[in-house]
Amino acid sequence: MRALIVSVDLGSPDYQAHAQEFEMLATGAGAVLVGTLKARRQRPDAAYFIGSGKVQEGVLLAEQGEAEVVLFDQPLSPAQQRNLERQFNLRVVDRVALILDIFALRAKSHEGKLQVELAQLQHLSTRLTRMWSHLERQRGGIGMRGPGESQLEMDRRMIGAKVRVLRERLERVQRQRTTQRRSRARGATLSVSLVGYTNAGKSTLFNAMTRAGAYAADQLFATLDTTTRRVWIEGAGQITLSDTVGFIRDLPTTLIAAFRATLEEAIHADLLLHIVDAASPQRDEQIHEVNKVLREIGAADIPCILVYNKIDLVGLEPRVEQDEHGTICRVFLSAQQRDGLGGLREAISQFALLSDNNAISNQNIQPE
């Protein structure tokens, strides 16, 4: 689908990275980019976000490029989206809706599809009333008052009922996951989860560690479904390793809530491996964004090792770094080239040994 991108600079120092990331989202959704309208504002315009002058400039660009959709790199209010669609006479998709669209495209598991549908319905429900009130004002009250209100109430009930059904199904899946985790806990199996910014190379590393053949690609949100495999690590024994959905800056709250069940593998892990794209100029900011989401889902206090991936792209050698206690806190490797995996296994083994020693120490502490 031919798409015009509207990119808005609100004065953020990381605007360029934000804009590039949105282009990756757009192409990942299957869009063919025909042009970009750049706008700089101190604050969003209430009616159009970018102001009426820029809108007219965008209309011309869309016509010249024969655009079929307008992709907006900021979240829009229902009123702003409606006003923009009137001016462009095209469908306008904001950042939240685009991410949801990619999630719908990539989700493969039953649980992943349920989570995507729930998030889409929640997003739609916030726009339903505004959409119908817009039609009532546009066409007047004749012929819209009775049937229009009935249709609105019907849509509300249908969406509400569907949301309840989806939540019940997800709760069942969640209970199954809890049962599986309890089973692993009874078996004293160390649980390790890969977390990190989207496209940091988590699935590639997961495949390198497990030979699982999980889908991996150079695109945002290649992985949406949690995959767990058992792996033997010398010194740690049998562990479970989980690959989770990647994070992204300004991840919508509704998406965090909808994907909480998937992210619970991270919440309940004994150890997190925070995968960082060592070749990304924005790696420090990406680390910050991941840590922010981990705090939001209640996983901030879980022990974590930073794993700098893609070192082959920046000419670094595989190595490990230790903290003041001699504990490995950073690992530098290339999952693609399978260089440095031994250092990561050593870090996991060391963590397992320290965990076992702490458990023994706690057992030996006698109550007074």
Foldseek 3Di string as FASTA:
>chain_A
DEEEEEQEALPDPCSVVLVVQVVLLCVLLVYDYQYYQYAYDVFADQQAGRDPVSLVVVLVSCVVSVGQEYEYAADDQLRNQVNSCVSNVHHYHYNQRSVLSSQCVQDDDPLSNLLSVLLVLVVVVNNLVVVLVVVCVVVDPVPCVVVVVVVSVVSVVVSVVSNVVSVVVNVVVLVVVVVVVVVCVVVVAAQEEEAFAFQLCQVLLVCLQAVPPPDDDNGGFNDAAKDWDWGQFVLQGIHIYIYHTYDDPCNDPSSLVSCLSRCVSLQPGQEYEYRFALPDPCRVVRVVRRLVSCVVSNNNPRHYAYEHEPVVVVVDAWDFDADPVRQTRYTYAYSVVSHRVNVVSVNVSVVSVVVVVVVVVVVPDDDD
